[in-house]
Amino acid sequence: IVDKLFFISKTDHALIRITKEKTNLNSFIINAIASTSKLTEEKNIDVKYDIAESSHTEIDIDVALMNQVMYNLIENAIKFSNGNGEVIIRSGKTKLNKIFISVSNYGEYIPPEYYSKIFERFFRLESSHNRKTGGTGLGLSVVKSIVEMQGGEIEVESSPNGLTAFTIIL
């Protein structure tokens, strides 16, 4: 909690330095998945990476900061999974030739009126399942800050059947 609050404070005061480097998109995602292997084993969750046409795509990112983003999104997908045992990651290019990375799982439905609120500091959906998972409501705020520092944006979409996807667009 203290680390997240300290990070947020530094972003508020523009004290974070971005060091971008050209990185292979698929290698980056594969490494991000590997960093969560202990979590996936503990929760018996399978993380699948749907490799699109982006196998040779290079992205210009701060790898350390974007690793935090991916870890947080995968951790949330595992934590809020309804127990179907699967997190799906996709990547590729949008119609406007931007890079996207999507992390999705089946879990609790997020109504559209909460899409922007879930990125606010300390906001948590008030449901019985959510109360059991713990957390402070800071993770997605940190994710959004990092993605925006990279010049990107993050979106969420959730369907009534429980499929929720967080998509980063760079």
N, C-alpha and C. Protein backbone atom coordinates (compact mmCIF):
# COMPACT_ATOMS: atom_id res chain seq x y z
N ILE A 1 0.84 -1.19 0.00
CA ILE A 1 0.00 0.00 0.00
C ILE A 1 0.88 1.24 0.00
N VAL A 2 1.89 1.23 0.85
CA VAL A 2 2.78 2.39 0.95
C VAL A 2 3.50 2.62 -0.38
N ASP A 3 3.97 1.54 -1.02
CA ASP A 3 4.65 1.67 -2.31
C ASP A 3 3.72 2.29 -3.36
N LYS A 4 2.48 1.83 -3.38
CA LYS A 4 1.53 2.38 -4.36
C LYS A 4 1.23 3.85 -4.08
N LEU A 5 1.05 4.20 -2.81
CA LEU A 5 0.81 5.60 -2.47
C LEU A 5 2.02 6.47 -2.81
N PHE A 6 3.21 5.96 -2.55
CA PHE A 6 4.42 6.70 -2.89
C PHE A 6 4.52 6.89 -4.40
N PHE A 7 4.23 5.85 -5.16
CA PHE A 7 4.27 5.94 -6.62
C PHE A 7 3.26 6.97 -7.12
N ILE A 8 2.05 6.92 -6.59
CA ILE A 8 1.01 7.88 -6.99
C ILE A 8 1.44 9.31 -6.67
N SER A 9 2.04 9.50 -5.51
CA SER A 9 2.53 10.82 -5.13
C SER A 9 3.59 11.31 -6.12
N LYS A 10 4.49 10.41 -6.51
CA LYS A 10 5.53 10.80 -7.46
C LYS A 10 4.92 11.14 -8.82
N THR A 11 3.90 10.41 -9.25
CA THR A 11 3.28 10.74 -10.54
C THR A 11 2.54 12.06 -10.47
N ASP A 12 1.90 12.34 -9.34
CA ASP A 12 1.21 13.62 -9.16
C ASP A 12 2.16 14.80 -9.29
N HIS A 13 3.40 14.60 -8.90
CA HIS A 13 4.37 15.69 -8.92
C HIS A 13 5.39 15.55 -10.05
N ALA A 14 5.04 14.73 -11.03
CA ALA A 14 5.88 14.54 -12.24
C ALA A 14 7.32 14.16 -11.87
N LEU A 15 7.48 13.27 -10.92
CA LEU A 15 8.81 12.85 -10.48
C LEU A 15 9.25 11.50 -11.06
N ILE A 16 8.42 10.93 -11.90
CA ILE A 16 8.75 9.64 -12.52
C ILE A 16 9.40 9.92 -13.87
N ARG A 17 10.56 9.31 -14.08
CA ARG A 17 11.24 9.44 -15.37
C ARG A 17 10.91 8.22 -16.22
N ILE A 18 10.52 8.50 -17.43
CA ILE A 18 10.22 7.43 -18.38
C ILE A 18 11.47 7.15 -19.21
N THR A 19 11.85 5.89 -19.28
CA THR A 19 12.98 5.48 -20.11
C THR A 19 12.46 4.46 -21.11
N LYS A 20 12.08 4.95 -22.27
CA LYS A 20 11.51 4.06 -23.29
C LYS A 20 12.61 3.37 -24.08
N GLU A 21 12.29 2.14 -24.48
CA GLU A 21 13.19 1.39 -25.35
C GLU A 21 12.37 0.52 -26.27
N LYS A 22 12.92 0.28 -27.45
CA LYS A 22 12.24 -0.60 -28.41
C LYS A 22 12.25 -2.02 -27.86
N THR A 23 11.07 -2.62 -27.86
CA THR A 23 10.89 -3.95 -27.27
C THR A 23 9.97 -4.77 -28.16
N ASN A 24 10.28 -6.04 -28.33
CA ASN A 24 9.40 -6.92 -29.08
C ASN A 24 8.14 -7.17 -28.25
N LEU A 25 6.99 -6.90 -28.83
CA LEU A 25 5.71 -7.01 -28.13
C LEU A 25 5.48 -8.41 -27.56
N ASN A 26 5.68 -9.43 -28.39
CA ASN A 26 5.43 -10.79 -27.91
C ASN A 26 6.39 -11.20 -26.80
N SER A 27 7.65 -10.85 -26.92
CA SER A 27 8.61 -11.16 -25.86
C SER A 27 8.23 -10.47 -24.56
N PHE A 28 7.81 -9.22 -24.68
CA PHE A 28 7.39 -8.47 -23.50
C PHE A 28 6.22 -9.17 -22.80
N ILE A 29 5.22 -9.58 -23.55
CA ILE A 29 4.03 -10.22 -22.96
C ILE A 29 4.39 -11.59 -22.38
N ILE A 30 5.19 -12.36 -23.09
CA ILE A 30 5.60 -13.68 -22.58
C ILE A 30 6.35 -13.52 -21.26
N ASN A 31 7.23 -12.53 -21.16
CA ASN A 31 7.95 -12.28 -19.90
C ASN A 31 6.99 -11.84 -18.79
N ALA A 32 6.00 -11.02 -19.15
CA ALA A 32 5.01 -10.57 -18.16
C ALA A 32 4.22 -11.77 -17.63
N ILE A 33 3.86 -12.67 -18.50
CA ILE A 33 3.12 -13.87 -18.08
C ILE A 33 4.00 -14.71 -17.15
N ALA A 34 5.26 -14.86 -17.52
CA ALA A 34 6.19 -15.65 -16.69
C ALA A 34 6.32 -15.06 -15.30
N SER A 35 6.26 -13.73 -15.19
CA SER A 35 6.42 -13.10 -13.87
C SER A 35 5.24 -13.38 -12.94
N THR A 36 4.14 -13.86 -13.50
CA THR A 36 2.97 -14.17 -12.66
C THR A 36 2.79 -15.67 -12.46
N SER A 37 3.78 -16.46 -12.84
CA SER A 37 3.62 -17.91 -12.79
C SER A 37 3.32 -18.43 -11.39
N LYS A 38 3.90 -17.82 -10.37
CA LYS A 38 3.63 -18.27 -9.00
C LYS A 38 2.16 -18.05 -8.65
N LEU A 39 1.62 -16.89 -9.04
CA LEU A 39 0.20 -16.61 -8.79
C LEU A 39 -0.70 -17.60 -9.52
N THR A 40 -0.38 -17.85 -10.77
CA THR A 40 -1.23 -18.74 -11.56
C THR A 40 -1.20 -20.16 -11.02
N GLU A 41 -0.05 -20.60 -10.54
CA GLU A 41 0.06 -21.94 -9.96
C GLU A 41 -0.74 -22.03 -8.66
N GLU A 42 -0.62 -21.01 -7.80
CA GLU A 42 -1.34 -21.01 -6.52
C GLU A 42 -2.85 -21.06 -6.72
N LYS A 43 -3.34 -20.36 -7.72
CA LYS A 43 -4.79 -20.25 -7.95
C LYS A 43 -5.30 -21.23 -9.00
N ASN A 44 -4.39 -22.05 -9.56
CA ASN A 44 -4.74 -23.01 -10.60
C ASN A 44 -5.43 -22.32 -11.79
N ILE A 45 -4.81 -21.25 -12.24
CA ILE A 45 -5.33 -20.46 -13.37
C ILE A 45 -4.38 -20.63 -14.55
N ASP A 46 -4.94 -20.80 -15.71
CA ASP A 46 -4.16 -20.92 -16.93
C ASP A 46 -4.18 -19.58 -17.65
N VAL A 47 -3.01 -19.02 -17.94
CA VAL A 47 -2.93 -17.78 -18.70
C VAL A 47 -2.60 -18.15 -20.14
N LYS A 48 -3.50 -17.78 -21.04
CA LYS A 48 -3.31 -18.08 -22.45
C LYS A 48 -3.00 -16.79 -23.20
N TYR A 49 -2.03 -16.87 -24.07
CA TYR A 49 -1.66 -15.72 -24.88
C TYR A 49 -2.04 -16.01 -26.32
N ASP A 50 -2.97 -15.25 -26.82
CA ASP A 50 -3.45 -15.37 -28.19
C ASP A 50 -2.57 -14.46 -29.06
N ILE A 51 -1.56 -15.05 -29.65
CA ILE A 51 -0.61 -14.28 -30.46
C ILE A 51 -1.26 -13.95 -31.79
N ALA A 52 -1.38 -12.67 -32.04
CA ALA A 52 -1.95 -12.20 -33.30
C ALA A 52 -0.84 -12.01 -34.32
N GLU A 53 -1.10 -11.14 -35.26
CA GLU A 53 -0.11 -10.86 -36.30
C GLU A 53 1.07 -10.06 -35.77
N SER A 54 1.08 -9.83 -34.47
CA SER A 54 2.06 -8.92 -33.87
C SER A 54 3.38 -9.59 -33.49
N SER A 55 3.67 -10.76 -34.02
CA SER A 55 4.84 -11.49 -33.54
C SER A 55 6.15 -10.73 -33.74
N HIS A 56 6.22 -9.87 -34.72
CA HIS A 56 7.46 -9.11 -34.94
C HIS A 56 7.29 -7.63 -34.63
N THR A 57 6.19 -7.27 -33.99
CA THR A 57 5.90 -5.87 -33.69
C THR A 57 6.81 -5.36 -32.59
N GLU A 58 7.37 -4.20 -32.83
CA GLU A 58 8.20 -3.53 -31.83
C GLU A 58 7.37 -2.42 -31.20
N ILE A 59 7.50 -2.26 -29.89
CA ILE A 59 6.85 -1.17 -29.19
C ILE A 59 7.90 -0.37 -28.44
N ASP A 60 7.63 0.91 -28.28
CA ASP A 60 8.54 1.81 -27.60
C ASP A 60 7.94 2.12 -26.23
N ILE A 61 8.43 1.43 -25.19
CA ILE A 61 7.86 1.56 -23.84
C ILE A 61 8.95 1.57 -22.78
N ASP A 62 8.56 2.02 -21.60
CA ASP A 62 9.39 1.85 -20.41
C ASP A 62 9.05 0.45 -19.90
N VAL A 63 9.93 -0.48 -20.14
CA VAL A 63 9.65 -1.89 -19.86
C VAL A 63 9.35 -2.13 -18.38
N ALA A 64 10.14 -1.55 -17.49
CA ALA A 64 9.93 -1.77 -16.05
C ALA A 64 8.54 -1.29 -15.62
N LEU A 65 8.16 -0.11 -16.06
CA LEU A 65 6.84 0.41 -15.68
C LEU A 65 5.71 -0.40 -16.31
N MET A 66 5.87 -0.77 -17.56
CA MET A 66 4.81 -1.55 -18.22
C MET A 66 4.74 -2.97 -17.65
N ASN A 67 5.85 -3.48 -17.12
CA ASN A 67 5.78 -4.77 -16.42
C ASN A 67 4.87 -4.66 -15.20
N GLN A 68 4.93 -3.52 -14.49
CA GLN A 68 4.03 -3.30 -13.37
C GLN A 68 2.58 -3.34 -13.83
N VAL A 69 2.30 -2.71 -14.96
CA VAL A 69 0.95 -2.68 -15.52
C VAL A 69 0.47 -4.10 -15.79
N MET A 70 1.28 -4.87 -16.50
CA MET A 70 0.87 -6.22 -16.86
C MET A 70 0.70 -7.10 -15.63
N TYR A 71 1.61 -6.99 -14.68
CA TYR A 71 1.50 -7.79 -13.47
C TYR A 71 0.19 -7.47 -12.75
N ASN A 72 -0.11 -6.18 -12.63
CA ASN A 72 -1.33 -5.78 -11.93
C ASN A 72 -2.57 -6.28 -12.67
N LEU A 73 -2.62 -6.14 -13.99
CA LEU A 73 -3.79 -6.58 -14.74
C LEU A 73 -3.98 -8.09 -14.68
N ILE A 74 -2.88 -8.82 -14.80
CA ILE A 74 -2.98 -10.29 -14.71
C ILE A 74 -3.37 -10.71 -13.30
N GLU A 75 -2.76 -10.08 -12.30
CA GLU A 75 -3.10 -10.38 -10.90
C GLU A 75 -4.58 -10.13 -10.64
N ASN A 76 -5.10 -9.00 -11.12
CA ASN A 76 -6.54 -8.70 -10.95
C ASN A 76 -7.40 -9.73 -11.67
N ALA A 77 -7.01 -10.10 -12.88
CA ALA A 77 -7.79 -11.08 -13.64
C ALA A 77 -7.84 -12.42 -12.90
N ILE A 78 -6.74 -12.79 -12.27
CA ILE A 78 -6.71 -14.02 -11.48
C ILE A 78 -7.57 -13.85 -10.23
N LYS A 79 -7.37 -12.76 -9.52
CA LYS A 79 -8.07 -12.51 -8.26
C LYS A 79 -9.59 -12.45 -8.43
N PHE A 80 -10.03 -11.81 -9.52
CA PHE A 80 -11.47 -11.61 -9.71
C PHE A 80 -12.09 -12.62 -10.67
N SER A 81 -11.36 -13.67 -10.99
CA SER A 81 -11.88 -14.73 -11.85
C SER A 81 -12.98 -15.49 -11.13
N ASN A 82 -13.96 -15.93 -11.87
CA ASN A 82 -15.06 -16.67 -11.27
C ASN A 82 -14.72 -18.14 -11.06
N GLY A 83 -13.48 -18.48 -11.27
CA GLY A 83 -13.06 -19.86 -11.02
C GLY A 83 -13.02 -20.72 -12.26
N ASN A 84 -13.19 -20.12 -13.44
CA ASN A 84 -13.13 -20.94 -14.66
C ASN A 84 -11.70 -21.29 -15.03
N GLY A 85 -10.73 -20.69 -14.33
CA GLY A 85 -9.35 -21.09 -14.48
C GLY A 85 -8.64 -20.57 -15.70
N GLU A 86 -9.10 -19.43 -16.27
CA GLU A 86 -8.45 -18.97 -17.49
C GLU A 86 -8.40 -17.44 -17.57
N VAL A 87 -7.24 -16.94 -17.92
CA VAL A 87 -7.03 -15.54 -18.24
C VAL A 87 -6.50 -15.52 -19.66
N ILE A 88 -7.06 -14.65 -20.48
CA ILE A 88 -6.66 -14.59 -21.89
C ILE A 88 -6.02 -13.24 -22.18
N ILE A 89 -4.85 -13.29 -22.79
CA ILE A 89 -4.15 -12.07 -23.19
C ILE A 89 -4.07 -12.06 -24.71
N ARG A 90 -4.41 -10.93 -25.28
CA ARG A 90 -4.34 -10.75 -26.73
C ARG A 90 -3.53 -9.50 -27.02
N SER A 91 -2.92 -9.49 -28.18
CA SER A 91 -2.20 -8.29 -28.61
C SER A 91 -2.30 -8.18 -30.13
N GLY A 92 -2.05 -6.99 -30.61
CA GLY A 92 -2.09 -6.78 -32.05
C GLY A 92 -2.14 -5.31 -32.36
N LYS A 93 -2.67 -5.00 -33.54
CA LYS A 93 -2.80 -3.62 -33.96
C LYS A 93 -4.27 -3.29 -34.20
N THR A 94 -4.62 -2.06 -33.82
CA THR A 94 -5.99 -1.60 -34.05
C THR A 94 -6.13 -1.19 -35.52
N LYS A 95 -7.34 -0.82 -35.91
CA LYS A 95 -7.58 -0.35 -37.28
C LYS A 95 -6.82 0.94 -37.56
N LEU A 96 -6.50 1.69 -36.50
CA LEU A 96 -5.74 2.93 -36.66
C LEU A 96 -4.24 2.70 -36.53
N ASN A 97 -3.82 1.42 -36.58
CA ASN A 97 -2.42 1.01 -36.53
C ASN A 97 -1.75 1.30 -35.19
N LYS A 98 -2.54 1.33 -34.12
CA LYS A 98 -1.97 1.46 -32.78
C LYS A 98 -1.84 0.05 -32.20
N ILE A 99 -0.97 -0.08 -31.21
CA ILE A 99 -0.76 -1.38 -30.55
C ILE A 99 -1.81 -1.54 -29.45
N PHE A 100 -2.37 -2.75 -29.32
CA PHE A 100 -3.23 -3.02 -28.19
C PHE A 100 -2.76 -4.27 -27.46
N ILE A 101 -3.00 -4.26 -26.15
CA ILE A 101 -2.77 -5.43 -25.30
C ILE A 101 -4.02 -5.56 -24.46
N SER A 102 -4.64 -6.72 -24.49
CA SER A 102 -5.88 -6.95 -23.76
C SER A 102 -5.71 -8.10 -22.77
N VAL A 103 -6.20 -7.89 -21.55
CA VAL A 103 -6.19 -8.94 -20.52
C VAL A 103 -7.64 -9.17 -20.13
N SER A 104 -8.12 -10.40 -20.31
CA SER A 104 -9.54 -10.67 -20.02
C SER A 104 -9.71 -11.93 -19.20
N ASN A 105 -10.85 -11.97 -18.52
CA ASN A 105 -11.23 -13.13 -17.71
C ASN A 105 -12.74 -13.14 -17.54
N TYR A 106 -13.24 -14.27 -17.06
CA TYR A 106 -14.65 -14.35 -16.69
C TYR A 106 -14.74 -14.15 -15.19
N GLY A 107 -15.54 -13.20 -14.81
CA GLY A 107 -15.73 -12.89 -13.40
C GLY A 107 -16.99 -12.08 -13.22
N GLU A 108 -16.97 -11.22 -12.24
CA GLU A 108 -18.12 -10.39 -11.94
C GLU A 108 -18.33 -9.34 -13.03
N TYR A 109 -19.56 -9.16 -13.43
CA TYR A 109 -19.94 -8.14 -14.42
C TYR A 109 -19.69 -6.75 -13.84
N ILE A 110 -19.09 -5.88 -14.63
CA ILE A 110 -18.87 -4.49 -14.25
C ILE A 110 -19.82 -3.64 -15.08
N PRO A 111 -20.82 -3.01 -14.47
CA PRO A 111 -21.74 -2.17 -15.23
C PRO A 111 -21.01 -0.97 -15.85
N PRO A 112 -21.44 -0.53 -17.04
CA PRO A 112 -20.77 0.58 -17.74
C PRO A 112 -20.62 1.86 -16.91
N GLU A 113 -21.55 2.12 -16.01
CA GLU A 113 -21.45 3.36 -15.22
C GLU A 113 -20.23 3.35 -14.29
N TYR A 114 -19.59 2.20 -14.12
CA TYR A 114 -18.40 2.11 -13.26
C TYR A 114 -17.09 2.09 -14.06
N TYR A 115 -17.17 2.07 -15.38
CA TYR A 115 -15.96 1.95 -16.20
C TYR A 115 -14.92 3.01 -15.86
N SER A 116 -15.30 4.25 -15.74
CA SER A 116 -14.30 5.28 -15.44
C SER A 116 -13.97 5.30 -13.95
N LYS A 117 -14.91 4.95 -13.10
CA LYS A 117 -14.70 5.00 -11.65
C LYS A 117 -13.68 3.98 -11.16
N ILE A 118 -13.59 2.83 -11.82
CA ILE A 118 -12.68 1.80 -11.32
C ILE A 118 -11.22 2.20 -11.42
N PHE A 119 -10.92 3.26 -12.20
CA PHE A 119 -9.55 3.75 -12.30
C PHE A 119 -9.26 4.87 -11.29
N GLU A 120 -10.27 5.25 -10.50
CA GLU A 120 -10.09 6.27 -9.48
C GLU A 120 -9.44 5.66 -8.25
N ARG A 121 -8.68 6.44 -7.54
CA ARG A 121 -8.01 5.97 -6.33
C ARG A 121 -9.03 5.53 -5.28
N PHE A 122 -8.76 4.41 -4.70
CA PHE A 122 -9.52 3.82 -3.59
C PHE A 122 -10.92 3.33 -3.98
N PHE A 123 -11.28 3.39 -5.27
CA PHE A 123 -12.60 2.92 -5.66
C PHE A 123 -12.59 1.41 -5.76
N ARG A 124 -13.61 0.78 -5.19
CA ARG A 124 -13.80 -0.66 -5.31
C ARG A 124 -15.27 -0.93 -5.51
N LEU A 125 -15.59 -1.85 -6.38
CA LEU A 125 -16.98 -2.26 -6.54
C LEU A 125 -17.44 -2.90 -5.25
N GLU A 126 -18.59 -2.55 -4.80
CA GLU A 126 -19.11 -3.10 -3.54
C GLU A 126 -19.94 -4.34 -3.81
N SER A 127 -19.28 -5.46 -3.78
CA SER A 127 -19.98 -6.73 -3.92
C SER A 127 -19.39 -7.70 -2.91
N SER A 128 -20.13 -8.72 -2.60
CA SER A 128 -19.63 -9.67 -1.61
C SER A 128 -18.36 -10.35 -2.09
N HIS A 129 -18.27 -10.66 -3.38
CA HIS A 129 -17.07 -11.31 -3.92
C HIS A 129 -15.88 -10.36 -3.79
N ASN A 130 -16.08 -9.10 -4.10
CA ASN A 130 -15.01 -8.13 -4.08
C ASN A 130 -14.47 -7.92 -2.67
N ARG A 131 -15.32 -7.91 -1.68
CA ARG A 131 -14.87 -7.71 -0.30
C ARG A 131 -13.96 -8.85 0.15
N LYS A 132 -14.19 -10.04 -0.36
CA LYS A 132 -13.39 -11.19 0.04
C LYS A 132 -11.99 -11.17 -0.58
N THR A 133 -11.81 -10.45 -1.68
CA THR A 133 -10.53 -10.50 -2.38
C THR A 133 -9.50 -9.55 -1.82
N GLY A 134 -9.91 -8.62 -0.99
CA GLY A 134 -8.96 -7.67 -0.42
C GLY A 134 -8.59 -6.60 -1.43
N GLY A 135 -7.52 -5.90 -1.15
CA GLY A 135 -7.07 -4.84 -2.03
C GLY A 135 -7.47 -3.48 -1.49
N THR A 136 -6.85 -2.46 -2.06
CA THR A 136 -7.06 -1.11 -1.57
C THR A 136 -7.76 -0.21 -2.57
N GLY A 137 -7.91 -0.66 -3.80
CA GLY A 137 -8.48 0.20 -4.82
C GLY A 137 -7.45 1.16 -5.41
N LEU A 138 -6.17 0.82 -5.29
CA LEU A 138 -5.11 1.67 -5.84
C LEU A 138 -4.50 1.10 -7.12
N GLY A 139 -4.58 -0.19 -7.32
CA GLY A 139 -3.89 -0.84 -8.43
C GLY A 139 -4.26 -0.30 -9.80
N LEU A 140 -5.54 -0.17 -10.10
CA LEU A 140 -5.93 0.31 -11.42
C LEU A 140 -5.63 1.79 -11.61
N SER A 141 -5.59 2.53 -10.52
CA SER A 141 -5.18 3.94 -10.60
C SER A 141 -3.72 4.03 -11.02
N VAL A 142 -2.88 3.18 -10.43
CA VAL A 142 -1.47 3.13 -10.80
C VAL A 142 -1.33 2.69 -12.26
N VAL A 143 -2.08 1.67 -12.65
CA VAL A 143 -2.05 1.18 -14.04
C VAL A 143 -2.37 2.31 -15.01
N LYS A 144 -3.44 3.02 -14.74
CA LYS A 144 -3.85 4.11 -15.64
C LYS A 144 -2.76 5.19 -15.71
N SER A 145 -2.17 5.54 -14.58
CA SER A 145 -1.11 6.55 -14.57
C SER A 145 0.06 6.13 -15.45
N ILE A 146 0.49 4.89 -15.31
CA ILE A 146 1.63 4.39 -16.08
C ILE A 146 1.30 4.37 -17.56
N VAL A 147 0.13 3.86 -17.92
CA VAL A 147 -0.25 3.78 -19.33
C VAL A 147 -0.29 5.18 -19.94
N GLU A 148 -0.84 6.14 -19.22
CA GLU A 148 -0.89 7.51 -19.73
C GLU A 148 0.50 8.12 -19.84
N MET A 149 1.42 7.78 -18.93
CA MET A 149 2.80 8.25 -19.03
C MET A 149 3.47 7.73 -20.30
N GLN A 150 3.01 6.57 -20.77
CA GLN A 150 3.55 5.97 -21.99
C GLN A 150 2.92 6.58 -23.24
N GLY A 151 1.97 7.50 -23.03
CA GLY A 151 1.26 8.10 -24.16
C GLY A 151 0.08 7.27 -24.62
N GLY A 152 -0.35 6.35 -23.77
CA GLY A 152 -1.45 5.46 -24.15
C GLY A 152 -2.70 5.71 -23.36
N GLU A 153 -3.64 4.81 -23.53
CA GLU A 153 -4.89 4.85 -22.78
C GLU A 153 -5.30 3.44 -22.42
N ILE A 154 -6.17 3.32 -21.44
CA ILE A 154 -6.67 2.01 -21.04
C ILE A 154 -8.19 2.06 -20.98
N GLU A 155 -8.80 0.99 -21.45
CA GLU A 155 -10.25 0.89 -21.49
C GLU A 155 -10.67 -0.41 -20.81
N VAL A 156 -11.91 -0.42 -20.34
CA VAL A 156 -12.47 -1.66 -19.80
C VAL A 156 -13.81 -1.89 -20.47
N GLU A 157 -14.12 -3.15 -20.68
CA GLU A 157 -15.42 -3.53 -21.21
C GLU A 157 -15.82 -4.83 -20.53
N SER A 158 -17.07 -4.89 -20.10
CA SER A 158 -17.55 -6.06 -19.40
C SER A 158 -18.92 -6.43 -19.96
N SER A 159 -19.12 -7.72 -20.20
CA SER A 159 -20.41 -8.17 -20.72
C SER A 159 -21.20 -8.85 -19.60
N PRO A 160 -22.52 -8.86 -19.71
CA PRO A 160 -23.34 -9.47 -18.66
C PRO A 160 -23.00 -10.93 -18.37
N ASN A 161 -22.37 -11.63 -19.34
CA ASN A 161 -21.98 -13.02 -19.08
C ASN A 161 -20.71 -13.11 -18.23
N GLY A 162 -20.14 -11.91 -17.85
CA GLY A 162 -18.99 -11.89 -16.95
C GLY A 162 -17.64 -11.77 -17.62
N LEU A 163 -17.61 -11.73 -18.96
CA LEU A 163 -16.32 -11.56 -19.64
C LEU A 163 -15.93 -10.09 -19.52
N THR A 164 -14.80 -9.85 -18.86
CA THR A 164 -14.29 -8.50 -18.68
C THR A 164 -12.91 -8.41 -19.30
N ALA A 165 -12.69 -7.33 -20.09
CA ALA A 165 -11.41 -7.12 -20.75
C ALA A 165 -10.89 -5.72 -20.45
N PHE A 166 -9.64 -5.67 -20.04
CA PHE A 166 -8.92 -4.41 -19.89
C PHE A 166 -8.00 -4.31 -21.09
N THR A 167 -8.11 -3.23 -21.85
CA THR A 167 -7.33 -3.09 -23.08
C THR A 167 -6.49 -1.83 -23.01
N ILE A 168 -5.20 -2.02 -23.20
CA ILE A 168 -4.24 -0.93 -23.28
C ILE A 168 -4.05 -0.61 -24.76
N ILE A 169 -4.08 0.68 -25.10
CA ILE A 169 -3.84 1.10 -26.47
C ILE A 169 -2.65 2.06 -26.45
N LEU A 170 -1.62 1.70 -27.19
CA LEU A 170 -0.39 2.49 -27.26
C LEU A 170 -0.13 2.96 -28.67
